[in-house]
Amino acid sequence: MVNVLQLTDVSVVRGGTAILDSVNWSVEDDQRWVILGPNGAGKTTLLQMAAAMMHPSSGKVEVLEEPLGGTDLFELRPRIGFASTAMARKIPATERVIDVVMTAAYSVTGRWHEEYESIDERRAQRVLAEWKLDHLAERKFGTLSDGEQKRVQIARSVMTDPEMLLLDEPAASLDLGAREELLHLLSGYASAPDAPAIIMVTHHVEEIPRGFTHVLLIAGGAIVGAGPLAETLTAEALSATFGLAIDLTENHGRYAARAV
């Protein structure tokens, strides 16, 4: 197996405050990770470094076997798929859904003067169909529901066949039906043998899709636990992560948690 992400003794300090403190973590190319932790734990900071969008204050970060600070980021970033609310805000509301997805080929968020080949459009149509969005291809992005926009973002992030896929709270703000539809699609994608390594940030164990293999628990910038999902995600570990007694249940690969 190949390490797609390696953090060695990584710390991030901002304004005298340690956002991450001496973090060691590695992700292999056949793993699907979920990152859990309270607000301010450092989850998004981890994801930004994995996306090659942030450098550590100290320590070493290798992304797709390339060291941050010693590689061409313009060549590295297109190899990474990234879907987040911040990214969605950069997409013009008037952009057609097919173009939102297709422009990933040039790493831009709006059609300008770039030229696309028929193979690009066919690829975009195929990705939209895989994420149950083909009927929305001609719709404007700003007219979609939250759930549809989330799926369009993910379709865009997989358009270029990334070697690593990063998802920042993909189910946030969705209603029950939209959440379950998204998790069903993510589960199928994560379980596919040719899927890339996946790292997903969430606040809720209920949002962990089937097919995910590992979990990283983080609080106060430090790792509370990291490893295979079935072994690492326990009531005790969750309680330590969130600072209150939590009861955890599992049913056919889906989890639920509540305060005791």
Protein backbone atom coordinates (compact mmCIF):
# COMPACT_ATOMS: atom_id res chain seq x y z
CA MET A 1 0.00 0.00 0.00
CA VAL A 2 1.03 3.61 -0.64
CA ASN A 3 0.77 6.45 1.86
CA VAL A 4 -1.27 9.24 0.30
CA LEU A 5 -0.92 11.41 3.42
CA GLN A 6 1.76 11.43 6.10
CA LEU A 7 1.92 13.88 9.02
CA THR A 8 5.02 13.67 11.21
CA ASP A 9 5.10 15.61 14.48
CA VAL A 10 2.92 18.34 12.92
CA SER A 11 1.92 21.44 14.86
CA VAL A 12 -0.03 24.49 13.67
CA VAL A 13 0.12 27.64 15.81
CA ARG A 14 -1.93 30.76 15.12
CA GLY A 15 -1.84 33.84 17.34
CA GLY A 16 0.03 31.93 20.02
CA THR A 17 -2.61 29.19 20.13
CA ALA A 18 -1.84 25.61 19.08
CA ILE A 19 -4.54 24.51 16.63
CA LEU A 20 -2.72 21.19 16.13
CA ASP A 21 -0.17 19.84 18.58
CA SER A 22 2.44 17.23 17.57
CA VAL A 23 0.11 15.22 15.31
CA ASN A 24 1.34 11.98 13.73
CA TRP A 25 -1.03 10.38 11.21
CA SER A 26 -0.83 8.41 7.98
CA VAL A 27 -3.45 7.47 5.38
CA GLU A 28 -2.99 4.66 2.85
CA ASP A 29 -4.48 4.61 -0.63
CA ASP A 30 -7.05 1.89 0.15
CA GLN A 31 -8.39 3.53 3.32
CA ARG A 32 -11.51 5.65 3.86
CA TRP A 33 -11.18 7.83 6.95
CA VAL A 34 -13.71 9.85 8.92
CA ILE A 35 -12.47 12.63 11.23
CA LEU A 36 -14.63 13.28 14.30
CA GLY A 37 -14.27 15.95 16.96
CA PRO A 38 -15.89 19.00 18.53
CA ASN A 39 -15.84 22.52 17.09
CA GLY A 40 -12.34 23.98 17.17
CA ALA A 41 -10.68 20.58 17.49
CA GLY A 42 -8.51 21.05 14.38
CA LYS A 43 -10.50 18.97 11.88
CA THR A 44 -10.65 21.55 9.10
CA THR A 45 -6.97 22.43 9.62
CA LEU A 46 -6.06 18.78 9.02
CA LEU A 47 -8.14 18.76 5.85
CA GLN A 48 -6.57 21.98 4.57
CA MET A 49 -3.09 20.50 4.95
CA ALA A 50 -4.22 17.32 3.20
CA ALA A 51 -5.48 19.56 0.39
CA ALA A 52 -2.07 21.28 0.21
CA MET A 53 -3.73 24.59 1.12
CA MET A 54 -1.90 25.12 4.42
CA HIS A 55 1.62 24.51 5.70
CA PRO A 56 2.38 23.42 9.26
CA SER A 57 4.17 25.67 11.74
CA SER A 58 6.48 22.74 12.47
CA GLY A 59 6.77 19.10 11.50
CA LYS A 60 6.52 17.46 8.09
CA VAL A 61 3.54 16.89 5.79
CA GLU A 62 3.70 14.66 2.72
CA VAL A 63 0.74 14.66 0.34
CA LEU A 64 0.68 11.98 -2.38
CA GLU A 65 4.35 11.34 -1.50
CA GLU A 66 5.23 15.00 -2.15
CA PRO A 67 6.57 17.13 0.74
CA LEU A 68 4.73 20.39 1.36
CA GLY A 69 7.19 23.21 0.95
CA GLY A 70 9.25 21.25 -1.56
CA THR A 71 6.89 20.56 -4.45
CA ASP A 72 4.93 22.39 -7.15
CA LEU A 73 1.48 22.96 -5.63
CA PHE A 74 -0.06 23.74 -9.02
CA GLU A 75 0.81 20.21 -10.13
CA LEU A 76 -0.11 18.59 -6.81
CA ARG A 77 -3.54 20.11 -6.13
CA PRO A 78 -5.27 18.80 -9.31
CA ARG A 79 -4.52 15.27 -8.05
CA ILE A 80 -6.72 15.95 -5.00
CA GLY A 81 -10.52 16.13 -4.99
CA PHE A 82 -11.91 18.59 -2.44
CA ALA A 83 -15.54 19.39 -1.62
CA SER A 84 -16.43 21.94 1.04
CA THR A 85 -18.88 24.73 1.81
CA ALA A 86 -16.10 27.26 1.27
CA MET A 87 -15.50 25.81 -2.20
CA ALA A 88 -19.23 25.96 -3.00
CA ARG A 89 -19.27 29.70 -2.29
CA LYS A 90 -16.82 30.22 -5.15
CA ILE A 91 -19.16 28.61 -7.69
CA PRO A 92 -21.26 31.18 -9.60
CA ALA A 93 -24.97 30.75 -8.87
CA THR A 94 -25.71 31.12 -12.58
CA GLU A 95 -23.32 28.35 -13.66
CA ARG A 96 -24.90 25.33 -15.34
CA VAL A 97 -24.47 22.12 -13.34
CA ILE A 98 -22.71 20.40 -16.25
CA ASP A 99 -20.19 23.27 -16.34
CA VAL A 100 -19.68 23.23 -12.55
CA VAL A 101 -18.50 19.65 -12.93
CA MET A 102 -16.63 20.02 -16.22
CA THR A 103 -14.58 23.06 -15.13
CA ALA A 104 -12.82 20.84 -12.59
CA ALA A 105 -10.65 19.75 -15.52
CA TYR A 106 -9.06 23.23 -15.45
CA SER A 107 -9.37 23.75 -11.67
CA VAL A 108 -11.60 26.80 -12.20
CA THR A 109 -15.06 27.51 -10.79
CA GLY A 110 -16.66 29.27 -13.76
CA ARG A 111 -16.63 28.93 -17.55
CA TRP A 112 -14.40 31.55 -19.18
CA HIS A 113 -12.55 31.00 -22.44
CA GLU A 114 -11.12 27.55 -21.80
CA GLU A 115 -11.89 24.91 -24.43
CA TYR A 116 -13.23 21.45 -23.64
CA GLU A 117 -13.21 18.34 -25.76
CA SER A 118 -16.16 16.05 -26.24
CA ILE A 119 -14.47 13.53 -23.94
CA ASP A 120 -14.65 16.10 -21.11
CA GLU A 121 -18.38 16.56 -21.56
CA ARG A 122 -18.98 12.81 -21.78
CA ARG A 123 -16.97 12.32 -18.60
CA ALA A 124 -18.95 15.04 -16.82
CA GLN A 125 -22.25 13.52 -17.95
CA ARG A 126 -21.15 10.10 -16.71
CA VAL A 127 -20.12 11.49 -13.30
CA LEU A 128 -23.43 13.34 -12.98
CA ALA A 129 -25.30 10.11 -13.72
CA GLU A 130 -23.26 8.23 -11.08
CA TRP A 131 -24.32 10.80 -8.46
CA LYS A 132 -27.98 10.83 -9.65
CA LEU A 133 -27.67 14.35 -11.03
CA ASP A 134 -27.90 13.86 -14.81
CA HIS A 135 -31.45 15.27 -14.89
CA LEU A 136 -30.08 18.53 -13.45
CA ALA A 137 -27.28 19.03 -15.99
CA GLU A 138 -28.80 22.19 -17.51
CA ARG A 139 -30.03 23.70 -14.25
CA LYS A 140 -28.31 26.70 -12.67
CA PHE A 141 -26.26 25.81 -9.59
CA GLY A 142 -27.96 28.48 -7.49
CA THR A 143 -31.42 26.97 -8.09
CA LEU A 144 -30.52 23.59 -6.55
CA SER A 145 -31.42 22.39 -3.07
CA ASP A 146 -28.71 22.03 -0.42
CA GLY A 147 -28.60 18.28 -0.98
CA GLU A 148 -28.29 18.65 -4.75
CA GLN A 149 -25.54 21.26 -4.37
CA LYS A 150 -23.61 18.96 -2.03
CA ARG A 151 -23.79 16.14 -4.57
CA VAL A 152 -22.73 18.46 -7.41
CA GLN A 153 -19.68 19.50 -5.37
CA ILE A 154 -18.71 15.85 -4.87
CA ALA A 155 -19.31 15.07 -8.55
CA ARG A 156 -17.02 17.97 -9.41
CA SER A 157 -14.37 16.73 -6.97
CA VAL A 158 -14.26 13.25 -8.57
CA MET A 159 -14.40 14.53 -12.16
CA THR A 160 -10.62 14.31 -12.59
CA ASP A 161 -10.22 10.84 -10.99
CA PRO A 162 -8.35 12.18 -7.95
CA GLU A 163 -5.85 10.11 -6.02
CA MET A 164 -7.33 11.39 -2.75
CA LEU A 165 -10.82 12.73 -2.05
CA LEU A 166 -11.43 15.20 0.81
CA LEU A 167 -14.95 15.94 2.05
CA ASP A 168 -15.60 18.68 4.61
CA GLU A 169 -18.94 18.00 6.33
CA PRO A 170 -20.75 16.86 3.17
CA ALA A 171 -24.00 16.09 5.03
CA ALA A 172 -24.15 19.34 7.04
CA SER A 173 -27.49 21.21 6.84
CA LEU A 174 -29.22 18.39 4.94
CA ASP A 175 -32.63 17.05 5.92
CA LEU A 176 -33.03 13.37 6.74
CA GLY A 177 -33.96 12.29 3.23
CA ALA A 178 -31.18 14.26 1.51
CA ARG A 179 -28.65 13.06 4.08
CA GLU A 180 -29.56 9.41 3.63
CA GLU A 181 -29.48 9.69 -0.15
CA LEU A 182 -26.02 11.26 -0.01
CA LEU A 183 -24.70 8.70 2.45
CA HIS A 184 -26.04 5.87 0.28
CA LEU A 185 -24.15 7.27 -2.72
CA LEU A 186 -20.99 7.85 -0.68
CA SER A 187 -21.18 4.32 0.66
CA GLY A 188 -21.34 2.88 -2.84
CA TYR A 189 -18.47 5.06 -4.00
CA ALA A 190 -16.29 4.27 -0.97
CA SER A 191 -16.88 0.53 -1.44
CA ALA A 192 -15.82 0.52 -5.09
CA PRO A 193 -12.44 -1.19 -5.61
CA ASP A 194 -11.12 1.66 -7.78
CA ALA A 195 -12.14 4.47 -5.41
CA PRO A 196 -9.36 6.75 -4.16
CA ALA A 197 -8.41 7.24 -0.54
CA ILE A 198 -11.14 9.29 1.17
CA ILE A 199 -10.99 11.58 4.20
CA MET A 200 -14.29 12.98 5.45
CA VAL A 201 -14.82 15.47 8.29
CA THR A 202 -18.07 15.31 10.24
CA HIS A 203 -19.47 16.15 13.66
CA HIS A 204 -21.87 13.22 13.85
CA VAL A 205 -21.35 9.45 13.90
CA GLU A 206 -24.75 9.13 12.18
CA GLU A 207 -23.12 10.61 9.08
CA ILE A 208 -20.45 7.92 8.71
CA PRO A 209 -21.23 6.03 5.48
CA ARG A 210 -20.94 2.28 5.23
CA GLY A 211 -17.71 1.32 3.51
CA PHE A 212 -15.55 3.67 5.57
CA THR A 213 -12.69 1.83 7.21
CA HIS A 214 -10.92 4.13 9.70
CA VAL A 215 -11.62 6.92 12.16
CA LEU A 216 -9.51 9.70 13.64
CA LEU A 217 -10.79 11.27 16.86
CA ILE A 218 -9.39 14.69 17.69
CA ALA A 219 -9.91 17.20 20.49
CA GLY A 220 -8.00 20.35 21.38
CA GLY A 221 -5.61 19.85 18.46
CA ALA A 222 -4.44 16.43 19.70
CA ILE A 223 -5.37 12.94 18.51
CA VAL A 224 -7.52 11.03 20.98
CA GLY A 225 -7.60 7.87 18.87
CA ALA A 226 -6.89 6.72 15.31
CA GLY A 227 -7.31 3.36 13.65
CA PRO A 228 -9.78 0.88 12.19
CA LEU A 229 -13.35 2.06 12.66
CA ALA A 230 -14.70 -1.05 14.38
CA GLU A 231 -11.91 -1.02 16.98
CA THR A 232 -11.38 2.71 17.52
CA LEU A 233 -14.90 4.16 17.53
CA THR A 234 -16.07 3.28 21.04
CA ALA A 235 -18.27 4.97 23.61
CA GLU A 236 -15.22 5.54 25.80
CA ALA A 237 -13.23 7.16 23.01
CA LEU A 238 -16.16 9.35 21.95
CA SER A 239 -16.71 10.40 25.55
CA ALA A 240 -13.07 11.44 25.86
CA THR A 241 -13.23 13.29 22.54
CA PHE A 242 -16.37 15.32 23.30
CA GLY A 243 -15.92 15.67 27.04
CA LEU A 244 -19.16 14.08 28.17
CA ALA A 245 -20.51 10.58 28.72
CA ILE A 246 -21.77 9.19 25.41
CA ASP A 247 -23.60 5.99 24.58
CA LEU A 248 -22.75 4.54 21.16
CA THR A 249 -24.76 1.98 19.18
CA GLU A 250 -24.07 0.28 15.85
CA ASN A 251 -26.61 -1.33 13.54
CA HIS A 252 -25.61 -2.92 10.22
CA GLY A 253 -22.65 -0.62 9.77
CA ARG A 254 -24.37 2.61 10.80
CA TYR A 255 -23.74 4.37 14.10
CA ALA A 256 -25.78 6.47 16.53
CA ALA A 257 -24.68 8.38 19.64
CA ARG A 258 -26.41 10.16 22.48
CA ALA A 259 -25.39 11.68 25.78
CA VAL A 260 -25.94 9.41 28.75
